[in-house]
Amino acid sequence: MFREGYKFTSAVFDSWARKHKIKICFIQPGKPTQNSLIERFNGSYRKEVLDAHLFFELNHVRDQTQTRLWNYNNVRPHKSLCKLPLIRTVS
C-alpha cells in the first residue's frame, strides 16, 4: 500500500496493516507517478462510479461498486486482452 507521507496514517491504520502483514511504502511528496496505477484506478473509479451517480446511502455506493467490478471483469473489453473481457481470458 502506498501513501504520500505519514500525514495520512494513524495508530489504528498502522496496527491494522501490521496485523494483516501489509507493508506500507511511502511515495515522495508531489510524485504521483510513483503510484500511477492506483492514481489511474482512483480517477476511473471517481469518473465511472462516484461522479456518475447521486448517492444518498453508503450501501448504494457499495452496490454500484460491486456492479462496476462485475462489469469490469465480465463485460468490459480490455485493450491489452485483444478487447476480450477479463473473464474470457482466465476461464
PDB file of N, CA and C in Angstrom:
ATOM      1  N   MET A   1       0.853  -1.160   0.000  1.00  0.00           N
ATOM      2  CA  MET A   1       0.000   0.000   0.000  1.00  0.00           C
ATOM      3  C   MET A   1       0.899   1.223   0.000  1.00  0.00           C
ATOM      4  N   PHE A   2       0.546   2.198  -0.794  1.00  0.00           N
ATOM      5  CA  PHE A   2       1.378   3.382  -0.917  1.00  0.00           C
ATOM      6  C   PHE A   2       0.615   4.613  -0.439  1.00  0.00           C
ATOM      7  N   ARG A   3       1.297   5.481   0.243  1.00  0.00           N
ATOM      8  CA  ARG A   3       0.741   6.750   0.711  1.00  0.00           C
ATOM      9  C   ARG A   3       1.809   7.810   0.597  1.00  0.00           C
ATOM     10  N   GLU A   4       1.382   9.049   0.516  1.00  0.00           N
ATOM     11  CA  GLU A   4       2.328  10.165   0.447  1.00  0.00           C
ATOM     12  C   GLU A   4       2.563  10.694   1.853  1.00  0.00           C
ATOM     13  N   GLY A   5       3.533  10.171   2.546  1.00  0.00           N
ATOM     14  CA  GLY A   5       3.905  10.655   3.867  1.00  0.00           C
ATOM     15  C   GLY A   5       3.038  10.116   4.984  1.00  0.00           C
ATOM     16  N   TYR A   6       3.445  10.456   6.191  1.00  0.00           N
ATOM     17  CA  TYR A   6       2.764   9.945   7.374  1.00  0.00           C
ATOM     18  C   TYR A   6       1.500  10.707   7.730  1.00  0.00           C
ATOM     19  N   LYS A   7       1.222  11.804   7.071  1.00  0.00           N
ATOM     20  CA  LYS A   7       0.055  12.594   7.462  1.00  0.00           C
ATOM     21  C   LYS A   7      -1.254  11.836   7.272  1.00  0.00           C
ATOM     22  N   PHE A   8      -1.250  10.748   6.481  1.00  0.00           N
ATOM     23  CA  PHE A   8      -2.477  10.001   6.235  1.00  0.00           C
ATOM     24  C   PHE A   8      -2.590   8.752   7.103  1.00  0.00           C
ATOM     25  N   THR A   9      -1.619   8.499   7.955  1.00  0.00           N
ATOM     26  CA  THR A   9      -1.662   7.279   8.751  1.00  0.00           C
ATOM     27  C   THR A   9      -2.097   7.587  10.175  1.00  0.00           C
ATOM     28  N   SER A  10      -2.546   6.551  10.839  1.00  0.00           N
ATOM     29  CA  SER A  10      -2.921   6.667  12.242  1.00  0.00           C
ATOM     30  C   SER A  10      -2.465   5.395  12.937  1.00  0.00           C
ATOM     31  N   ALA A  11      -2.496   5.411  14.242  1.00  0.00           N
ATOM     32  CA  ALA A  11      -2.100   4.232  15.005  1.00  0.00           C
ATOM     33  C   ALA A  11      -3.013   3.056  14.679  1.00  0.00           C
ATOM     34  N   VAL A  12      -4.296   3.318  14.491  1.00  0.00           N
ATOM     35  CA  VAL A  12      -5.252   2.254  14.168  1.00  0.00           C
ATOM     36  C   VAL A  12      -4.918   1.641  12.810  1.00  0.00           C
ATOM     37  N   PHE A  13      -4.656   2.494  11.819  1.00  0.00           N
ATOM     38  CA  PHE A  13      -4.306   2.019  10.479  1.00  0.00           C
ATOM     39  C   PHE A  13      -3.004   1.227  10.510  1.00  0.00           C
ATOM     40  N   ASP A  14      -2.001   1.763  11.187  1.00  0.00           N
ATOM     41  CA  ASP A  14      -0.715   1.071  11.283  1.00  0.00           C
ATOM     42  C   ASP A  14      -0.868  -0.299  11.942  1.00  0.00           C
ATOM     43  N   SER A  15      -1.674  -0.360  12.990  1.00  0.00           N
ATOM     44  CA  SER A  15      -1.912  -1.618  13.683  1.00  0.00           C
ATOM     45  C   SER A  15      -2.623  -2.615  12.766  1.00  0.00           C
ATOM     46  N   TRP A  16      -3.628  -2.137  12.038  1.00  0.00           N
ATOM     47  CA  TRP A  16      -4.357  -2.993  11.099  1.00  0.00           C
ATOM     48  C   TRP A  16      -3.410  -3.541  10.029  1.00  0.00           C
ATOM     49  N   ALA A  17      -2.548  -2.693   9.492  1.00  0.00           N
ATOM     50  CA  ALA A  17      -1.605  -3.119   8.455  1.00  0.00           C
ATOM     51  C   ALA A  17      -0.647  -4.183   8.993  1.00  0.00           C
ATOM     52  N   ARG A  18      -0.123  -3.972  10.186  1.00  0.00           N
ATOM     53  CA  ARG A  18       0.778  -4.968  10.783  1.00  0.00           C
ATOM     54  C   ARG A  18       0.061  -6.303  10.981  1.00  0.00           C
ATOM     55  N   LYS A  19      -1.167  -6.234  11.489  1.00  0.00           N
ATOM     56  CA  LYS A  19      -1.951  -7.449  11.740  1.00  0.00           C
ATOM     57  C   LYS A  19      -2.156  -8.246  10.454  1.00  0.00           C
ATOM     58  N   HIS A  20      -2.362  -7.558   9.345  1.00  0.00           N
ATOM     59  CA  HIS A  20      -2.616  -8.213   8.058  1.00  0.00           C
ATOM     60  C   HIS A  20      -1.347  -8.374   7.216  1.00  0.00           C
ATOM     61  N   LYS A  21      -0.204  -8.110   7.839  1.00  0.00           N
ATOM     62  CA  LYS A  21       1.107  -8.270   7.186  1.00  0.00           C
ATOM     63  C   LYS A  21       1.204  -7.466   5.892  1.00  0.00           C
ATOM     64  N   ILE A  22       0.723  -6.229   5.958  1.00  0.00           N
ATOM     65  CA  ILE A  22       0.788  -5.309   4.828  1.00  0.00           C
ATOM     66  C   ILE A  22       1.895  -4.306   5.095  1.00  0.00           C
ATOM     67  N   LYS A  23       2.831  -4.223   4.179  1.00  0.00           N
ATOM     68  CA  LYS A  23       3.923  -3.266   4.294  1.00  0.00           C
ATOM     69  C   LYS A  23       3.461  -1.938   3.696  1.00  0.00           C
ATOM     70  N   ILE A  24       3.591  -0.879   4.454  1.00  0.00           N
ATOM     71  CA  ILE A  24       3.217   0.451   3.984  1.00  0.00           C
ATOM     72  C   ILE A  24       4.462   1.108   3.399  1.00  0.00           C
ATOM     73  N   CYS A  25       4.391   1.471   2.134  1.00  0.00           N
ATOM     74  CA  CYS A  25       5.503   2.133   1.445  1.00  0.00           C
ATOM     75  C   CYS A  25       5.050   3.533   1.065  1.00  0.00           C
ATOM     76  N   PHE A  26       5.886   4.498   1.312  1.00  0.00           N
ATOM     77  CA  PHE A  26       5.529   5.885   1.043  1.00  0.00           C
ATOM     78  C   PHE A  26       6.159   6.370  -0.250  1.00  0.00           C
ATOM     79  N   ILE A  27       5.373   7.108  -1.034  1.00  0.00           N
ATOM     80  CA  ILE A  27       5.920   7.745  -2.225  1.00  0.00           C
ATOM     81  C   ILE A  27       6.419   9.124  -1.826  1.00  0.00           C
ATOM     82  N   GLN A  28       7.245   9.707  -2.668  1.00  0.00           N
ATOM     83  CA  GLN A  28       7.753  11.043  -2.388  1.00  0.00           C
ATOM     84  C   GLN A  28       6.630  12.062  -2.583  1.00  0.00           C
ATOM     85  N   PRO A  29       6.552  13.079  -1.723  1.00  0.00           N
ATOM     86  CA  PRO A  29       5.536  14.120  -1.888  1.00  0.00           C
ATOM     87  C   PRO A  29       5.627  14.756  -3.277  1.00  0.00           C
ATOM     88  N   GLY A  30       4.476  14.947  -3.905  1.00  0.00           N
ATOM     89  CA  GLY A  30       4.424  15.583  -5.215  1.00  0.00           C
ATOM     90  C   GLY A  30       4.875  14.700  -6.357  1.00  0.00           C
ATOM     91  N   LYS A  31       4.935  13.393  -6.140  1.00  0.00           N
ATOM     92  CA  LYS A  31       5.381  12.456  -7.179  1.00  0.00           C
ATOM     93  C   LYS A  31       4.310  11.384  -7.429  1.00  0.00           C
ATOM     94  N   PRO A  32       3.123  11.767  -7.893  1.00  0.00           N
ATOM     95  CA  PRO A  32       2.059  10.778  -8.085  1.00  0.00           C
ATOM     96  C   PRO A  32       2.397   9.714  -9.124  1.00  0.00           C
ATOM     97  N   THR A  33       3.374   9.985 -10.006  1.00  0.00           N
ATOM     98  CA  THR A  33       3.740   8.973 -11.000  1.00  0.00           C
ATOM     99  C   THR A  33       4.387   7.752 -10.362  1.00  0.00           C
ATOM    100  N   GLN A  34       4.879   7.890  -9.137  1.00  0.00           N
ATOM    101  CA  GLN A  34       5.433   6.736  -8.430  1.00  0.00           C
ATOM    102  C   GLN A  34       4.324   5.772  -8.022  1.00  0.00           C
ATOM    103  N   ASN A  35       3.111   6.227  -8.106  1.00  0.00           N
ATOM    104  CA  ASN A  35       1.947   5.452  -7.707  1.00  0.00           C
ATOM    105  C   ASN A  35       0.900   5.519  -8.819  1.00  0.00           C
ATOM    106  N   SER A  36       1.339   5.464 -10.064  1.00  0.00           N
ATOM    107  CA  SER A  36       0.456   5.749 -11.195  1.00  0.00           C
ATOM    108  C   SER A  36      -0.681   4.754 -11.357  1.00  0.00           C
ATOM    109  N   LEU A  37      -0.475   3.494 -11.028  1.00  0.00           N
ATOM    110  CA  LEU A  37      -1.534   2.504 -11.193  1.00  0.00           C
ATOM    111  C   LEU A  37      -2.735   2.830 -10.313  1.00  0.00           C
ATOM    112  N   ILE A  38      -2.492   3.121  -9.043  1.00  0.00           N
ATOM    113  CA  ILE A  38      -3.610   3.433  -8.154  1.00  0.00           C
ATOM    114  C   ILE A  38      -4.195   4.802  -8.472  1.00  0.00           C
ATOM    115  N   GLU A  39      -3.360   5.739  -8.926  1.00  0.00           N
ATOM    116  CA  GLU A  39      -3.885   7.047  -9.321  1.00  0.00           C
ATOM    117  C   GLU A  39      -4.848   6.899 -10.499  1.00  0.00           C
ATOM    118  N   ARG A  40      -4.508   6.042 -11.450  1.00  0.00           N
ATOM    119  CA  ARG A  40      -5.403   5.802 -12.584  1.00  0.00           C
ATOM    120  C   ARG A  40      -6.695   5.141 -12.110  1.00  0.00           C
ATOM    121  N   PHE A  41      -6.574   4.137 -11.227  1.00  0.00           N
ATOM    122  CA  PHE A  41      -7.762   3.485 -10.690  1.00  0.00           C
ATOM    123  C   PHE A  41      -8.654   4.497  -9.985  1.00  0.00           C
ATOM    124  N   ASN A  42      -8.064   5.325  -9.128  1.00  0.00           N
ATOM    125  CA  ASN A  42      -8.848   6.323  -8.401  1.00  0.00           C
ATOM    126  C   ASN A  42      -9.586   7.245  -9.356  1.00  0.00           C
ATOM    127  N   GLY A  43      -8.921   7.694 -10.416  1.00  0.00           N
ATOM    128  CA  GLY A  43      -9.559   8.570 -11.392  1.00  0.00           C
ATOM    129  C   GLY A  43     -10.691   7.880 -12.127  1.00  0.00           C
ATOM    130  N   SER A  44     -10.470   6.646 -12.548  1.00  0.00           N
ATOM    131  CA  SER A  44     -11.513   5.886 -13.255  1.00  0.00           C
ATOM    132  C   SER A  44     -12.693   5.608 -12.334  1.00  0.00           C
ATOM    133  N   TYR A  45     -12.409   5.219 -11.096  1.00  0.00           N
ATOM    134  CA  TYR A  45     -13.479   4.930 -10.135  1.00  0.00           C
ATOM    135  C   TYR A  45     -14.307   6.181  -9.864  1.00  0.00           C
ATOM    136  N   ARG A  46     -13.635   7.304  -9.684  1.00  0.00           N
ATOM    137  CA  ARG A  46     -14.357   8.554  -9.445  1.00  0.00           C
ATOM    138  C   ARG A  46     -15.256   8.884 -10.633  1.00  0.00           C
ATOM    139  N   LYS A  47     -14.715   8.797 -11.842  1.00  0.00           N
ATOM    140  CA  LYS A  47     -15.470   9.153 -13.050  1.00  0.00           C
ATOM    141  C   LYS A  47     -16.628   8.185 -13.300  1.00  0.00           C
ATOM    142  N   GLU A  48     -16.358   6.881 -13.219  1.00  0.00           N
ATOM    143  CA  GLU A  48     -17.339   5.875 -13.605  1.00  0.00           C
ATOM    144  C   GLU A  48     -18.346   5.532 -12.517  1.00  0.00           C
ATOM    145  N   VAL A  49     -18.017   5.806 -11.262  1.00  0.00           N
ATOM    146  CA  VAL A  49     -18.933   5.452 -10.172  1.00  0.00           C
ATOM    147  C   VAL A  49     -19.363   6.689  -9.390  1.00  0.00           C
ATOM    148  N   LEU A  50     -18.420   7.353  -8.755  1.00  0.00           N
ATOM    149  CA  LEU A  50     -18.779   8.430  -7.833  1.00  0.00           C
ATOM    150  C   LEU A  50     -19.385   9.638  -8.533  1.00  0.00           C
ATOM    151  N   ASP A  51     -18.817  10.053  -9.680  1.00  0.00           N
ATOM    152  CA  ASP A  51     -19.344  11.218 -10.386  1.00  0.00           C
ATOM    153  C   ASP A  51     -20.552  10.884 -11.254  1.00  0.00           C
ATOM    154  N   ALA A  52     -20.752   9.611 -11.557  1.00  0.00           N
ATOM    155  CA  ALA A  52     -21.829   9.208 -12.464  1.00  0.00           C
ATOM    156  C   ALA A  52     -23.162   9.013 -11.758  1.00  0.00           C
ATOM    157  N   HIS A  53     -23.152   8.994 -10.439  1.00  0.00           N
ATOM    158  CA  HIS A  53     -24.369   8.707  -9.682  1.00  0.00           C
ATOM    159  C   HIS A  53     -24.523   9.693  -8.531  1.00  0.00           C
ATOM    160  N   LEU A  54     -25.759   9.886  -8.123  1.00  0.00           N
ATOM    161  CA  LEU A  54     -26.054  10.684  -6.939  1.00  0.00           C
ATOM    162  C   LEU A  54     -26.385   9.703  -5.819  1.00  0.00           C
ATOM    163  N   PHE A  55     -25.550   9.657  -4.806  1.00  0.00           N
ATOM    164  CA  PHE A  55     -25.710   8.687  -3.729  1.00  0.00           C
ATOM    165  C   PHE A  55     -26.311   9.342  -2.495  1.00  0.00           C
ATOM    166  N   PHE A  56     -27.230   8.627  -1.868  1.00  0.00           N
ATOM    167  CA  PHE A  56     -27.818   9.084  -0.617  1.00  0.00           C
ATOM    168  C   PHE A  56     -27.462   8.165   0.547  1.00  0.00           C
ATOM    169  N   GLU A  57     -27.019   6.958   0.231  1.00  0.00           N
ATOM    170  CA  GLU A  57     -26.664   5.993   1.267  1.00  0.00           C
ATOM    171  C   GLU A  57     -25.376   5.274   0.893  1.00  0.00           C
ATOM    172  N   LEU A  58     -24.606   4.908   1.889  1.00  0.00           N
ATOM    173  CA  LEU A  58     -23.355   4.196   1.664  1.00  0.00           C
ATOM    174  C   LEU A  58     -23.592   2.848   0.982  1.00  0.00           C
ATOM    175  N   ASN A  59     -24.698   2.189   1.305  1.00  0.00           N
ATOM    176  CA  ASN A  59     -24.995   0.905   0.663  1.00  0.00           C
ATOM    177  C   ASN A  59     -25.168   1.055  -0.842  1.00  0.00           C
ATOM    178  N   HIS A  60     -25.688   2.183  -1.287  1.00  0.00           N
ATOM    179  CA  HIS A  60     -25.830   2.431  -2.720  1.00  0.00           C
ATOM    180  C   HIS A  60     -24.450   2.537  -3.370  1.00  0.00           C
ATOM    181  N   VAL A  61     -23.511   3.183  -2.698  1.00  0.00           N
ATOM    182  CA  VAL A  61     -22.132   3.264  -3.203  1.00  0.00           C
ATOM    183  C   VAL A  61     -21.549   1.858  -3.311  1.00  0.00           C
ATOM    184  N   ARG A  62     -21.758   1.055  -2.281  1.00  0.00           N
ATOM    185  CA  ARG A  62     -21.248  -0.324  -2.302  1.00  0.00           C
ATOM    186  C   ARG A  62     -21.859  -1.128  -3.448  1.00  0.00           C
ATOM    187  N   ASP A  63     -23.175  -0.986  -3.649  1.00  0.00           N
ATOM    188  CA  ASP A  63     -23.845  -1.708  -4.735  1.00  0.00           C
ATOM    189  C   ASP A  63     -23.294  -1.302  -6.095  1.00  0.00           C
ATOM    190  N   GLN A  64     -23.126  -0.007  -6.316  1.00  0.00           N
ATOM    191  CA  GLN A  64     -22.596   0.470  -7.593  1.00  0.00           C
ATOM    192  C   GLN A  64     -21.153   0.015  -7.797  1.00  0.00           C
ATOM    193  N   THR A  65     -20.392  -0.034  -6.710  1.00  0.00           N
ATOM    194  CA  THR A  65     -19.015  -0.510  -6.801  1.00  0.00           C
ATOM    195  C   THR A  65     -18.988  -1.981  -7.197  1.00  0.00           C
ATOM    196  N   GLN A  66     -19.841  -2.789  -6.591  1.00  0.00           N
ATOM    197  CA  GLN A  66     -19.914  -4.210  -6.945  1.00  0.00           C
ATOM    198  C   GLN A  66     -20.348  -4.395  -8.398  1.00  0.00           C
ATOM    199  N   THR A  67     -21.308  -3.591  -8.847  1.00  0.00           N
ATOM    200  CA  THR A  67     -21.757  -3.659 -10.240  1.00  0.00           C
ATOM    201  C   THR A  67     -20.616  -3.315 -11.181  1.00  0.00           C
ATOM    202  N   ARG A  68     -19.874  -2.247 -10.867  1.00  0.00           N
ATOM    203  CA  ARG A  68     -18.742  -1.856 -11.715  1.00  0.00           C
ATOM    204  C   ARG A  68     -17.685  -2.948 -11.744  1.00  0.00           C
ATOM    205  N   LEU A  69     -17.388  -3.537 -10.607  1.00  0.00           N
ATOM    206  CA  LEU A  69     -16.395  -4.601 -10.543  1.00  0.00           C
ATOM    207  C   LEU A  69     -16.824  -5.800 -11.391  1.00  0.00           C
ATOM    208  N   TRP A  70     -18.094  -6.182 -11.292  1.00  0.00           N
ATOM    209  CA  TRP A  70     -18.598  -7.306 -12.082  1.00  0.00           C
ATOM    210  C   TRP A  70     -18.497  -6.984 -13.573  1.00  0.00           C
ATOM    211  N   ASN A  71     -18.928  -5.790 -13.961  1.00  0.00           N
ATOM    212  CA  ASN A  71     -18.847  -5.388 -15.369  1.00  0.00           C
ATOM    213  C   ASN A  71     -17.402  -5.344 -15.850  1.00  0.00           C
ATOM    214  N   TYR A  72     -16.508  -4.848 -15.024  1.00  0.00           N
ATOM    215  CA  TYR A  72     -15.089  -4.765 -15.381  1.00  0.00           C
ATOM    216  C   TYR A  72     -14.530  -6.153 -15.681  1.00  0.00           C
ATOM    217  N   ASN A  73     -14.895  -7.116 -14.870  1.00  0.00           N
ATOM    218  CA  ASN A  73     -14.369  -8.472 -15.026  1.00  0.00           C
ATOM    219  C   ASN A  73     -15.098  -9.308 -16.071  1.00  0.00           C
ATOM    220  N   ASN A  74     -16.392  -9.050 -16.285  1.00  0.00           N
ATOM    221  CA  ASN A  74     -17.209  -9.932 -17.105  1.00  0.00           C
ATOM    222  C   ASN A  74     -17.699  -9.351 -18.426  1.00  0.00           C
ATOM    223  N   VAL A  75     -17.727  -8.037 -18.553  1.00  0.00           N
ATOM    224  CA  VAL A  75     -18.320  -7.416 -19.737  1.00  0.00           C
ATOM    225  C   VAL A  75     -17.342  -6.511 -20.470  1.00  0.00           C
ATOM    226  N   ARG A  76     -16.688  -5.654 -19.752  1.00  0.00           N
ATOM    227  CA  ARG A  76     -15.838  -4.616 -20.354  1.00  0.00           C
ATOM    228  C   ARG A  76     -14.687  -5.209 -21.163  1.00  0.00           C
ATOM    229  N   PRO A  77     -14.549  -4.783 -22.424  1.00  0.00           N
ATOM    230  CA  PRO A  77     -13.405  -5.246 -23.207  1.00  0.00           C
ATOM    231  C   PRO A  77     -12.122  -4.566 -22.726  1.00  0.00           C
ATOM    232  N   HIS A  78     -11.049  -5.338 -22.700  1.00  0.00           N
ATOM    233  CA  HIS A  78      -9.756  -4.826 -22.265  1.00  0.00           C
ATOM    234  C   HIS A  78      -8.821  -4.768 -23.462  1.00  0.00           C
ATOM    235  N   LYS A  79      -8.316  -3.590 -23.740  1.00  0.00           N
ATOM    236  CA  LYS A  79      -7.439  -3.391 -24.894  1.00  0.00           C
ATOM    237  C   LYS A  79      -6.240  -4.343 -24.862  1.00  0.00           C
ATOM    238  N   SER A  80      -5.666  -4.534 -23.689  1.00  0.00           N
ATOM    239  CA  SER A  80      -4.476  -5.389 -23.574  1.00  0.00           C
ATOM    240  C   SER A  80      -4.801  -6.872 -23.739  1.00  0.00           C
ATOM    241  N   LEU A  81      -6.082  -7.219 -23.751  1.00  0.00           N
ATOM    242  CA  LEU A  81      -6.508  -8.616 -23.903  1.00  0.00           C
ATOM    243  C   LEU A  81      -7.229  -8.821 -25.231  1.00  0.00           C
ATOM    244  N   CYS A  82      -6.822  -8.083 -26.244  1.00  0.00           N
ATOM    245  CA  CYS A  82      -7.442  -8.164 -27.580  1.00  0.00           C
ATOM    246  C   CYS A  82      -8.934  -7.870 -27.517  1.00  0.00           C
ATOM    247  N   LYS A  83      -9.288  -6.932 -26.668  1.00  0.00           N
ATOM    248  CA  LYS A  83     -10.662  -6.467 -26.475  1.00  0.00           C
ATOM    249  C   LYS A  83     -11.610  -7.545 -25.948  1.00  0.00           C
ATOM    250  N   LEU A  84     -11.058  -8.486 -25.204  1.00  0.00           N
ATOM    251  CA  LEU A  84     -11.874  -9.503 -24.543  1.00  0.00           C
ATOM    252  C   LEU A  84     -12.118  -9.097 -23.101  1.00  0.00           C
ATOM    253  N   PRO A  85     -13.261  -9.510 -22.531  1.00  0.00           N
ATOM    254  CA  PRO A  85     -13.455  -9.309 -21.092  1.00  0.00           C
ATOM    255  C   PRO A  85     -12.462 -10.174 -20.317  1.00  0.00           C
ATOM    256  N   LEU A  86     -12.099  -9.737 -19.156  1.00  0.00           N
ATOM    257  CA  LEU A  86     -11.134 -10.456 -18.327  1.00  0.00           C
ATOM    258  C   LEU A  86     -11.557 -11.904 -18.090  1.00  0.00           C
ATOM    259  N   ILE A  87     -12.821 -12.137 -17.841  1.00  0.00           N
ATOM    260  CA  ILE A  87     -13.315 -13.480 -17.525  1.00  0.00           C
ATOM    261  C   ILE A  87     -13.055 -14.463 -18.666  1.00  0.00           C
ATOM    262  N   ARG A  88     -13.054 -13.985 -19.901  1.00  0.00           N
ATOM    263  CA  ARG A  88     -12.841 -14.874 -21.057  1.00  0.00           C
ATOM    264  C   ARG A  88     -11.390 -15.309 -21.182  1.00  0.00           C
ATOM    265  N   THR A  89     -10.498 -14.637 -20.509  1.00  0.00           N
ATOM    266  CA  THR A  89      -9.080 -14.994 -20.613  1.00  0.00           C
ATOM    267  C   THR A  89      -8.619 -15.901 -19.482  1.00  0.00           C
ATOM    268  N   VAL A  90      -9.404 -16.015 -18.429  1.00  0.00           N
ATOM    269  CA  VAL A  90      -8.992 -16.830 -17.282  1.00  0.00           C
ATOM    270  C   VAL A  90      -9.809 -18.104 -17.132  1.00  0.00           C
ATOM    271  N   SER A  91     -10.879 -18.225 -17.891  1.00  0.00           N
ATOM    272  CA  SER A  91     -11.708 -19.434 -17.742  1.00  0.00           C
ATOM    273  C   SER A  91     -11.489 -20.410 -18.867  1.00  0.00           C
TER     274      SER A  91
END
